[in-house]
Amino acid sequence: MKIFIDTANLDMIKEINSWGILDGVTTNPSLIAKEGTDTRTRVKEIAKIVDVPISAEAMSLDSEGMIKEGRELASIHENINVKLPMCVEALKATKVLSGEGIDVNMTLIFSAQQALLAAKAGARYVSPFVGRLDDIGQQGMEVLGQVVGVFFNYGFGTEVIAASIRNPIHVLDAAAMGCDIATIPYNILLQMVSHPKTDEGIQNFIKDYEKSKKK
């Protein structure tokens, strides 16, 4: 499974990239606003740090505006893919943009039916929001599994991104069901590294090493 980081923070991207595990970066207007910058500036900066797919979100709500923004975003760097919110206008825009060789990440996916339509329209990625489904009492991972299953059945080239990841178990479940990608917040990536028995083992090794030096 590919691992993307869900952030617009340059220091976080640099750190995770140094681990040798980073396959992509997803941003959104909220993440970029937290950094006090704008989308065009920030994705340019990210592209200088990592040579991986980078998602940048278009803000128009009509297909013509989405297409115009999508072309502008894609022109920034060859690694940019355009995030569009799932709706009829986005399907229209996806058909056009994908036909021009511009990768689209259809976001705000909350059902397998939505994901199916996005793939049919030519989306390069679909992003089911598992955490937000859990928040309203639905089974986010169940929906993710349905999307993975449908795409496997019909051989779609569209990749599934598990988004709105809230904990390491979400990542594990996504990997176990064969999801292509998980886009993961920085703090969750840190949690994935840690385990109390690992910490305990390291401390025991250090203690034993110090004892051996005294002999």
Protein backbone atom coordinates (compact mmCIF):
# COMPACT_ATOMS: atom_id res chain seq x y z
CA MET A 1 0.00 0.00 0.00
CA LYS A 2 1.24 3.47 -0.87
CA ILE A 3 1.54 5.97 1.96
CA PHE A 4 0.64 9.61 1.38
CA ILE A 5 0.87 12.31 4.03
CA ASP A 6 -2.18 14.52 4.53
CA THR A 7 -0.67 17.92 5.31
CA ALA A 8 0.53 21.19 3.84
CA ASN A 9 3.27 21.64 6.44
CA LEU A 10 6.70 21.63 4.81
CA ASP A 11 8.59 20.49 7.90
CA MET A 12 6.29 17.49 8.33
CA ILE A 13 6.67 16.55 4.67
CA LYS A 14 10.46 16.82 4.90
CA GLU A 15 10.53 14.66 8.03
CA ILE A 16 8.33 11.86 6.68
CA ASN A 17 10.14 11.94 3.36
CA SER A 18 13.41 11.35 5.25
CA TRP A 19 11.97 8.04 6.52
CA GLY A 20 12.00 6.66 2.98
CA ILE A 21 8.30 5.72 3.03
CA LEU A 22 6.54 8.67 1.38
CA ASP A 23 4.64 8.04 -1.87
CA GLY A 24 2.53 11.18 -2.12
CA VAL A 25 1.09 14.32 -0.50
CA THR A 26 -2.54 15.43 -0.21
CA THR A 27 -3.54 18.97 0.67
CA ASN A 28 -6.83 20.80 1.02
CA PRO A 29 -7.85 24.44 1.57
CA SER A 30 -8.13 23.97 5.35
CA LEU A 31 -4.63 22.48 5.65
CA ILE A 32 -3.15 25.23 3.49
CA ALA A 33 -4.97 27.97 5.43
CA LYS A 34 -3.35 26.68 8.63
CA GLU A 35 0.03 27.37 7.05
CA GLY A 36 -0.86 30.98 6.22
CA THR A 37 -0.26 30.65 2.50
CA ASP A 38 -2.13 29.90 -0.73
CA THR A 39 -2.49 26.73 -2.77
CA ARG A 40 -0.34 27.73 -5.74
CA THR A 41 2.56 28.87 -3.56
CA ARG A 42 2.45 25.88 -1.25
CA VAL A 43 2.22 23.15 -3.89
CA LYS A 44 5.17 24.73 -5.71
CA GLU A 45 7.15 24.53 -2.48
CA ILE A 46 6.11 20.92 -1.88
CA ALA A 47 7.11 19.95 -5.43
CA LYS A 48 10.62 21.22 -4.72
CA ILE A 49 10.90 18.91 -1.71
CA VAL A 50 9.44 15.63 -3.01
CA ASP A 51 9.05 13.94 -6.39
CA VAL A 52 5.67 12.33 -5.69
CA PRO A 53 2.00 12.95 -6.59
CA ILE A 54 0.64 16.09 -4.91
CA SER A 55 -3.08 16.78 -4.64
CA ALA A 56 -4.28 20.39 -4.93
CA GLU A 57 -7.94 21.30 -4.61
CA ALA A 58 -10.00 23.34 -7.07
CA MET A 59 -12.60 25.56 -5.40
CA SER A 60 -15.06 26.21 -8.23
CA LEU A 61 -18.49 24.58 -8.03
CA ASP A 62 -19.32 24.57 -11.74
CA SER A 63 -17.66 22.36 -14.34
CA GLU A 64 -16.27 25.22 -16.39
CA GLY A 65 -14.60 26.75 -13.35
CA MET A 66 -13.27 23.36 -12.24
CA ILE A 67 -11.77 22.73 -15.66
CA LYS A 68 -10.14 26.17 -15.74
CA GLU A 69 -8.74 25.78 -12.20
CA GLY A 70 -7.70 22.22 -12.90
CA ARG A 71 -5.66 23.25 -15.92
CA GLU A 72 -4.03 26.06 -13.94
CA LEU A 73 -3.14 23.78 -11.02
CA ALA A 74 -1.82 21.02 -13.30
CA SER A 75 0.40 23.56 -15.07
CA ILE A 76 2.28 24.29 -11.84
CA HIS A 77 4.14 20.97 -11.88
CA GLU A 78 3.84 17.59 -13.58
CA ASN A 79 3.21 15.88 -10.22
CA ILE A 80 0.09 17.88 -9.42
CA ASN A 81 -3.26 16.12 -9.46
CA VAL A 82 -6.49 18.06 -9.11
CA LYS A 83 -8.88 17.40 -6.25
CA LEU A 84 -12.55 17.83 -7.10
CA PRO A 85 -15.51 17.33 -4.73
CA MET A 86 -17.90 14.57 -5.76
CA CYS A 87 -20.87 16.08 -7.62
CA VAL A 88 -22.35 16.15 -11.11
CA GLU A 89 -20.28 19.18 -12.11
CA ALA A 90 -17.10 17.42 -10.96
CA LEU A 91 -17.95 14.38 -13.06
CA LYS A 92 -18.27 16.62 -16.12
CA ALA A 93 -14.95 18.30 -15.30
CA THR A 94 -13.24 14.97 -14.67
CA LYS A 95 -14.23 13.71 -18.10
CA VAL A 96 -12.61 16.74 -19.72
CA LEU A 97 -9.52 16.96 -17.52
CA SER A 98 -8.75 13.24 -17.65
CA GLY A 99 -9.15 13.39 -21.41
CA GLU A 100 -6.40 16.00 -21.44
CA GLY A 101 -4.09 13.79 -19.38
CA ILE A 102 -4.68 15.67 -16.11
CA ASP A 103 -5.03 13.40 -13.08
CA VAL A 104 -8.11 13.98 -10.92
CA ASN A 105 -8.53 12.97 -7.28
CA MET A 106 -12.27 12.81 -6.65
CA THR A 107 -12.68 13.69 -3.00
CA LEU A 108 -15.52 13.71 -0.46
CA ILE A 109 -16.52 10.17 -1.45
CA PHE A 110 -18.96 8.61 1.02
CA SER A 111 -20.39 5.66 -0.93
CA ALA A 112 -19.26 2.99 -3.36
CA GLN A 113 -21.80 4.32 -5.87
CA GLN A 114 -20.07 7.70 -5.88
CA ALA A 115 -16.68 6.04 -6.31
CA LEU A 116 -17.98 3.96 -9.22
CA LEU A 117 -19.21 7.05 -11.04
CA ALA A 118 -15.92 8.88 -10.43
CA ALA A 119 -13.95 5.97 -11.86
CA LYS A 120 -16.24 5.77 -14.90
CA ALA A 121 -15.70 9.49 -15.52
CA GLY A 122 -11.93 8.95 -15.58
CA ALA A 123 -10.72 9.89 -12.09
CA ARG A 124 -7.15 8.80 -11.34
CA TYR A 125 -7.92 8.55 -7.63
CA VAL A 126 -11.03 8.37 -5.44
CA SER A 127 -10.89 9.33 -1.77
CA PRO A 128 -13.47 7.69 0.53
CA PHE A 129 -13.55 9.58 3.86
CA VAL A 130 -13.62 6.73 6.38
CA GLY A 131 -13.28 8.82 9.54
CA ARG A 132 -16.09 11.19 8.67
CA LEU A 133 -18.38 8.22 8.00
CA ASP A 134 -17.51 6.82 11.42
CA ASP A 135 -18.36 10.22 12.92
CA ILE A 136 -21.98 9.94 11.79
CA GLY A 137 -22.42 6.34 12.93
CA GLN A 138 -21.70 4.61 9.64
CA GLN A 139 -18.96 2.06 9.00
CA GLY A 140 -16.26 3.90 7.10
CA MET A 141 -14.18 0.79 6.54
CA GLU A 142 -17.20 -1.11 5.23
CA VAL A 143 -17.67 1.52 2.54
CA LEU A 144 -13.95 1.50 1.75
CA GLY A 145 -14.07 -2.28 1.36
CA GLN A 146 -17.02 -1.99 -1.01
CA VAL A 147 -15.09 0.49 -3.18
CA VAL A 148 -12.00 -1.73 -3.26
CA GLY A 149 -14.16 -4.74 -4.15
CA VAL A 150 -16.03 -3.00 -6.96
CA PHE A 151 -12.83 -1.67 -8.51
CA PHE A 152 -11.20 -5.11 -8.30
CA ASN A 153 -14.23 -6.75 -9.94
CA TYR A 154 -14.13 -4.48 -12.97
CA GLY A 155 -10.41 -3.81 -13.28
CA PHE A 156 -10.60 -0.03 -12.94
CA GLY A 157 -7.24 1.72 -13.15
CA THR A 158 -8.49 4.25 -10.60
CA GLU A 159 -6.62 4.01 -7.29
CA VAL A 160 -8.47 4.11 -3.98
CA ILE A 161 -7.17 6.49 -1.31
CA ALA A 162 -8.32 5.83 2.24
CA ALA A 163 -8.82 9.37 3.54
CA SER A 164 -9.93 10.97 6.80
CA ILE A 165 -7.71 8.53 8.68
CA ARG A 166 -8.20 8.91 12.43
CA ASN A 167 -5.98 6.19 13.93
CA PRO A 168 -3.43 3.48 13.06
CA ILE A 169 -6.17 0.83 12.99
CA HIS A 170 -7.73 2.61 10.02
CA VAL A 171 -4.41 2.23 8.20
CA LEU A 172 -4.10 -1.45 9.11
CA ASP A 173 -7.65 -2.23 8.02
CA ALA A 174 -7.15 -0.38 4.73
CA ALA A 175 -3.94 -2.29 4.02
CA ALA A 176 -5.52 -5.63 4.94
CA MET A 177 -8.39 -5.13 2.48
CA GLY A 178 -6.01 -4.23 -0.36
CA CYS A 179 -6.62 -0.48 -0.55
CA ASP A 180 -4.13 1.16 -2.92
CA ILE A 181 -3.25 4.20 -0.80
CA ALA A 182 -3.81 5.69 2.65
CA THR A 183 -3.32 9.41 3.15
CA ILE A 184 -2.29 9.79 6.76
CA PRO A 185 -1.87 12.77 9.12
CA TYR A 186 1.58 13.34 10.58
CA ASN A 187 0.61 12.42 14.14
CA ILE A 188 -0.87 9.10 13.00
CA LEU A 189 2.34 8.25 11.13
CA LEU A 190 4.26 8.85 14.36
CA GLN A 191 1.85 6.56 16.22
CA MET A 192 2.39 3.82 13.65
CA VAL A 193 6.11 3.71 14.47
CA SER A 194 5.61 3.37 18.21
CA HIS A 195 4.79 0.39 20.39
CA PRO A 196 5.30 0.17 24.17
CA LYS A 197 7.02 -3.21 23.89
CA THR A 198 9.45 -1.77 21.34
CA ASP A 199 10.25 1.09 23.73
CA GLU A 200 10.66 -1.38 26.57
CA GLY A 201 12.94 -3.59 24.49
CA ILE A 202 15.16 -0.66 23.50
CA GLN A 203 15.56 0.38 27.12
CA ASN A 204 16.41 -3.19 28.14
CA PHE A 205 19.02 -3.44 25.39
CA ILE A 206 20.58 -0.17 26.55
CA LYS A 207 20.69 -1.34 30.17
CA ASP A 208 22.24 -4.66 29.21
CA TYR A 209 24.77 -2.96 26.97
CA GLU A 210 25.81 -0.61 29.76
CA LYS A 211 26.21 -3.58 32.10
CA SER A 212 28.39 -5.41 29.59
CA LYS A 213 30.70 -2.40 29.26
CA LYS A 214 31.40 -2.50 33.02
CA LYS A 215 32.61 -6.10 32.93
